[in-house]
């Protein structure tokens, strides 16, 4: 039975496909400048709006970024390979290392917009921590910046009475971070659970993470549980999906 002919793809999609293949083939390596609207109009003999739509496709795929007054470039950021198993192992934080060291090796890491203080637990956090409504929790909010780019906004909640007077209440939690300090308090994390969702970002998330248009975010909610079964931390992370590869490595 003869098949129906497929409609031709719009011209801007065809141009975007050619540019995407050129980027993937290395003709335009990370950081390289790609043809702009005027160049595409001349090369493909198309209207400005068609050239603009083609470039918008590449932008929305997270392949390119515009630099004001300079042009459009292939995004050069090297993705973060996040292996939850290795980064959360006691061997990592128990030896005084940052769990981030498992993700980025020696790449520059900074913390921005750090806020630490006691607040009334949001309802869902109180439930997750097994606390009564209105209980006080320590809230640690910060944005992690890798290679100069914001990649992850993380907000941790811990029972206030559990961590009172400890270094967890300070800006710098010290070697091994929060989990090593919890171990010193007698509440060493014995297991972790992470739940992952993906959605489009809220306006404030676009601003904080400098997200390109149409870039989804990865939401990771992690709970840390001690040997007695008590949840000692809930950490809610919002991650730029274009910056991450989530890697899982475990035995069958």
Protein backbone atom coordinates (compact mmCIF):
# COMPACT_ATOMS: atom_id res chain seq x y z
CA UNK A 1 0.00 0.00 0.00
CA UNK A 2 1.55 3.32 -0.99
CA UNK A 3 2.45 5.63 1.86
CA UNK A 4 1.36 9.24 2.06
CA UNK A 5 4.16 11.71 1.26
CA UNK A 6 5.43 13.44 4.38
CA UNK A 7 5.08 17.23 4.46
CA UNK A 8 8.35 19.09 4.13
CA UNK A 9 9.80 20.46 7.34
CA UNK A 10 9.62 24.23 7.68
CA UNK A 11 12.65 25.99 6.21
CA UNK A 12 13.80 27.33 9.58
CA UNK A 13 13.78 23.78 10.96
CA UNK A 14 15.88 22.57 8.05
CA UNK A 15 18.43 25.31 8.68
CA UNK A 16 18.46 24.57 12.41
CA UNK A 17 18.99 20.87 11.67
CA UNK A 18 22.00 21.63 9.47
CA UNK A 19 23.55 23.87 12.11
CA UNK A 20 22.85 21.34 14.86
CA UNK A 21 24.53 18.57 12.88
CA UNK A 22 27.51 20.86 12.27
CA UNK A 23 27.79 21.55 16.00
CA UNK A 24 27.50 17.86 16.88
CA UNK A 25 30.13 17.00 14.25
CA UNK A 26 32.57 19.48 15.77
CA UNK A 27 32.54 21.94 12.88
CA UNK A 28 31.54 24.50 15.49
CA UNK A 29 33.28 23.40 18.71
CA UNK A 30 32.31 24.64 22.20
CA UNK A 31 32.86 28.39 22.40
CA UNK A 32 32.86 28.86 18.61
CA UNK A 33 30.84 31.62 17.01
CA UNK A 34 28.13 30.46 14.61
CA UNK A 35 26.59 32.38 11.69
CA UNK A 36 24.16 35.10 12.74
CA UNK A 37 20.93 36.27 11.15
CA UNK A 38 22.55 38.23 8.33
CA UNK A 39 24.89 35.39 7.38
CA UNK A 40 22.05 32.85 7.37
CA UNK A 41 19.85 35.16 5.27
CA UNK A 42 22.60 35.38 2.65
CA UNK A 43 23.66 31.72 2.70
CA UNK A 44 20.16 30.23 2.61
CA UNK A 45 18.38 33.08 0.79
CA UNK A 46 15.69 33.38 3.44
CA UNK A 47 13.91 36.20 5.23
CA UNK A 48 15.21 37.55 8.53
CA UNK A 49 12.36 35.99 10.49
CA UNK A 50 13.24 32.54 9.11
CA UNK A 51 16.89 32.96 10.11
CA UNK A 52 15.81 34.21 13.53
CA UNK A 53 13.54 31.19 14.05
CA UNK A 54 16.36 28.79 13.12
CA UNK A 55 18.68 30.37 15.67
CA UNK A 56 15.90 30.27 18.28
CA UNK A 57 15.63 26.49 17.81
CA UNK A 58 19.33 26.06 18.65
CA UNK A 59 18.96 28.35 21.65
CA UNK A 60 15.94 26.45 22.95
CA UNK A 61 17.85 23.17 22.60
CA UNK A 62 20.49 24.63 24.92
CA UNK A 63 23.16 24.41 22.21
CA UNK A 64 23.93 28.11 21.84
CA UNK A 65 24.01 31.32 23.82
CA UNK A 66 23.86 34.95 22.73
CA UNK A 67 26.55 37.37 23.89
CA UNK A 68 25.33 40.93 23.79
CA UNK A 69 27.06 42.95 21.10
CA UNK A 70 29.17 39.98 20.01
CA UNK A 71 27.07 37.25 18.42
CA UNK A 72 25.87 33.71 19.02
CA UNK A 73 28.20 31.02 20.31
CA UNK A 74 28.14 27.29 20.96
CA UNK A 75 27.73 26.78 24.69
CA UNK A 76 31.07 25.80 26.14
CA UNK A 77 30.11 24.58 29.60
CA UNK A 78 31.26 21.03 30.36
CA UNK A 79 28.31 19.09 31.87
CA UNK A 80 28.51 17.98 35.49
CA UNK A 81 28.33 14.21 35.84
CA UNK A 82 26.37 13.66 39.04
CA UNK A 83 26.68 10.15 40.45
CA UNK A 84 24.46 10.03 43.55
CA UNK A 85 25.99 6.77 44.77
CA UNK A 86 29.61 7.94 44.86
CA UNK A 87 28.97 11.52 45.99
CA UNK A 88 26.89 10.46 49.01
CA UNK A 89 29.12 7.61 50.16
CA UNK A 90 30.57 7.84 53.68
CA UNK A 91 33.98 7.37 52.10
CA UNK A 92 33.47 10.76 50.44
CA UNK A 93 32.20 13.05 53.21
CA UNK A 94 33.57 10.92 56.04
CA UNK A 95 37.11 11.64 54.87
CA UNK A 96 36.51 15.38 55.04
CA UNK A 97 35.87 15.84 51.31
CA UNK A 98 33.06 17.89 49.85
CA UNK A 99 30.45 15.75 48.12
CA UNK A 100 30.86 18.16 45.20
CA UNK A 101 34.41 16.88 44.70
CA UNK A 102 32.91 13.65 43.32
CA UNK A 103 31.09 15.66 40.62
CA UNK A 104 33.55 18.29 39.45
CA UNK A 105 37.07 17.17 40.45
CA UNK A 106 39.18 20.35 40.52
CA UNK A 107 36.83 22.66 38.64
CA UNK A 108 36.23 26.02 40.39
CA UNK A 109 33.28 25.89 42.81
CA UNK A 110 31.76 28.87 44.60
CA UNK A 111 28.75 29.36 46.84
CA UNK A 112 26.51 32.39 46.28
CA UNK A 113 23.45 33.86 48.00
CA UNK A 114 24.11 31.90 51.20
CA UNK A 115 21.40 32.29 53.85
CA UNK A 116 21.46 30.35 57.14
CA UNK A 117 18.89 30.76 59.91
CA UNK A 118 16.01 29.28 61.87
CA UNK A 119 12.52 29.37 60.37
CA UNK A 120 9.17 27.74 60.98
CA UNK A 121 9.14 24.50 59.04
CA UNK A 122 7.03 24.55 55.85
CA UNK A 123 4.23 22.02 56.21
CA UNK A 124 5.71 19.41 53.85
CA UNK A 125 9.15 19.75 55.48
CA UNK A 126 7.71 19.22 58.95
CA UNK A 127 5.99 16.06 57.71
CA UNK A 128 9.17 14.78 56.04
CA UNK A 129 11.26 15.42 59.18
CA UNK A 130 8.62 13.91 61.47
CA UNK A 131 8.17 17.20 63.34
CA UNK A 132 4.97 18.77 64.67
CA UNK A 133 3.37 21.63 62.75
CA UNK A 134 5.09 24.92 63.49
CA UNK A 135 8.36 23.31 64.61
CA UNK A 136 11.57 25.27 64.11
CA UNK A 137 14.11 24.11 61.56
CA UNK A 138 17.50 25.34 60.42
CA UNK A 139 17.28 26.47 56.81
CA UNK A 140 20.43 26.61 54.66
CA UNK A 141 19.87 28.17 51.23
CA UNK A 142 22.67 28.61 48.70
CA UNK A 143 23.41 28.65 44.99
CA UNK A 144 26.33 26.59 43.72
CA UNK A 145 28.41 28.15 40.95
CA UNK A 146 30.72 25.98 38.81
CA UNK A 147 33.15 27.53 36.31
CA UNK A 148 31.46 30.85 36.97
CA UNK A 149 27.99 29.54 36.05
CA UNK A 150 25.12 29.03 38.57
CA UNK A 151 24.06 25.39 38.27
CA UNK A 152 22.15 24.41 41.41
CA UNK A 153 20.09 26.16 44.07
CA UNK A 154 19.88 23.98 47.17
CA UNK A 155 17.79 24.53 50.30
CA UNK A 156 18.43 22.22 53.26
CA UNK A 157 16.23 21.82 56.32
CA UNK A 158 17.39 20.23 59.59
CA UNK A 159 15.66 20.01 63.00
CA UNK A 160 16.76 23.15 64.87
CA UNK A 161 17.08 21.41 68.22
CA UNK A 162 19.26 18.72 66.69
CA UNK A 163 21.89 21.05 65.26
CA UNK A 164 21.74 23.92 67.78
CA UNK A 165 25.21 25.20 68.68
CA UNK A 166 26.94 23.07 66.03
CA UNK A 167 28.94 24.27 63.06
CA UNK A 168 26.00 23.37 60.83
CA UNK A 169 24.45 26.66 61.92
CA UNK A 170 27.46 28.57 60.57
CA UNK A 171 28.13 29.66 57.00
CA UNK A 172 31.10 27.28 56.71
CA UNK A 173 30.22 23.81 57.99
CA UNK A 174 33.83 22.64 57.81
CA UNK A 175 35.54 19.57 56.28
CA UNK A 176 33.06 16.91 55.21
CA UNK A 177 30.22 19.40 55.41
CA UNK A 178 26.86 18.88 57.05
CA UNK A 179 27.00 15.08 57.02
CA UNK A 180 30.31 14.90 58.87
CA UNK A 181 28.96 17.35 61.46
CA UNK A 182 25.82 15.22 61.87
CA UNK A 183 28.06 12.20 62.45
CA UNK A 184 29.85 14.11 65.22
CA UNK A 185 26.45 14.84 66.80
CA UNK A 186 25.66 11.12 66.86
CA UNK A 187 23.30 11.23 63.88
CA UNK A 188 25.49 9.98 61.04
CA UNK A 189 23.45 9.48 57.87
CA UNK A 190 23.00 5.74 57.34
CA UNK A 191 21.00 5.96 54.12
CA UNK A 192 19.71 8.50 51.64
CA UNK A 193 16.66 8.67 49.41
CA UNK A 194 16.37 10.94 46.38
CA UNK A 195 13.24 11.72 44.40
CA UNK A 196 13.66 13.33 40.97
CA UNK A 197 11.22 15.36 38.89
CA UNK A 198 11.58 17.58 35.83
CA UNK A 199 9.49 20.64 35.00
CA UNK A 200 9.74 24.06 33.42
CA UNK A 201 11.25 26.70 35.73
CA UNK A 202 9.54 29.38 37.78
CA UNK A 203 10.51 33.01 37.01
CA UNK A 204 12.74 33.27 40.09
CA UNK A 205 14.54 30.06 39.09
CA UNK A 206 15.22 31.46 35.61
CA UNK A 207 16.78 34.51 37.25
CA UNK A 208 18.86 32.68 39.87
CA UNK A 209 20.20 30.01 37.51
CA UNK A 210 20.53 32.29 34.44
CA UNK A 211 18.51 29.79 32.43
CA UNK A 212 18.25 30.07 28.64
CA UNK A 213 14.68 30.13 27.29
CA UNK A 214 12.79 26.83 27.30
CA UNK A 215 15.33 25.12 29.60
CA UNK A 216 13.72 22.69 32.09
CA UNK A 217 14.96 22.27 35.64
CA UNK A 218 15.68 19.04 37.49
CA UNK A 219 14.21 18.90 40.99
CA UNK A 220 15.96 16.58 43.43
CA UNK A 221 14.50 16.09 46.92
CA UNK A 222 16.92 14.22 49.18
CA UNK A 223 16.29 12.92 52.68
CA UNK A 224 19.10 11.76 54.98
CA UNK A 225 18.20 9.14 57.58
CA UNK A 226 20.30 8.07 60.58
CA UNK A 227 20.76 4.52 61.89
CA UNK A 228 17.78 4.90 64.23
CA UNK A 229 15.50 5.75 61.31
CA UNK A 230 15.24 9.46 62.05
CA UNK A 231 15.20 11.85 59.09
CA UNK A 232 17.93 14.37 59.91
CA UNK A 233 17.92 16.48 56.76
CA UNK A 234 15.73 17.30 53.78
CA UNK A 235 17.52 18.97 50.87
CA UNK A 236 15.55 20.41 47.96
CA UNK A 237 17.66 21.13 44.88
CA UNK A 238 16.77 22.94 41.66
CA UNK A 239 19.27 22.18 38.90
CA UNK A 240 19.81 23.55 35.40
CA UNK A 241 19.07 20.48 33.26
CA UNK A 242 21.40 21.69 30.50
CA UNK A 243 24.35 21.58 32.93
CA UNK A 244 23.91 18.04 34.25
CA UNK A 245 24.25 14.39 33.35
CA UNK A 246 22.66 12.17 36.01
CA UNK A 247 24.67 8.97 36.30
CA UNK A 248 23.65 5.79 38.15
CA UNK A 249 26.15 3.02 38.73
CA UNK A 250 25.06 0.00 40.81
CA UNK A 251 25.24 -3.76 40.88
CA UNK A 252 22.38 -5.91 39.59
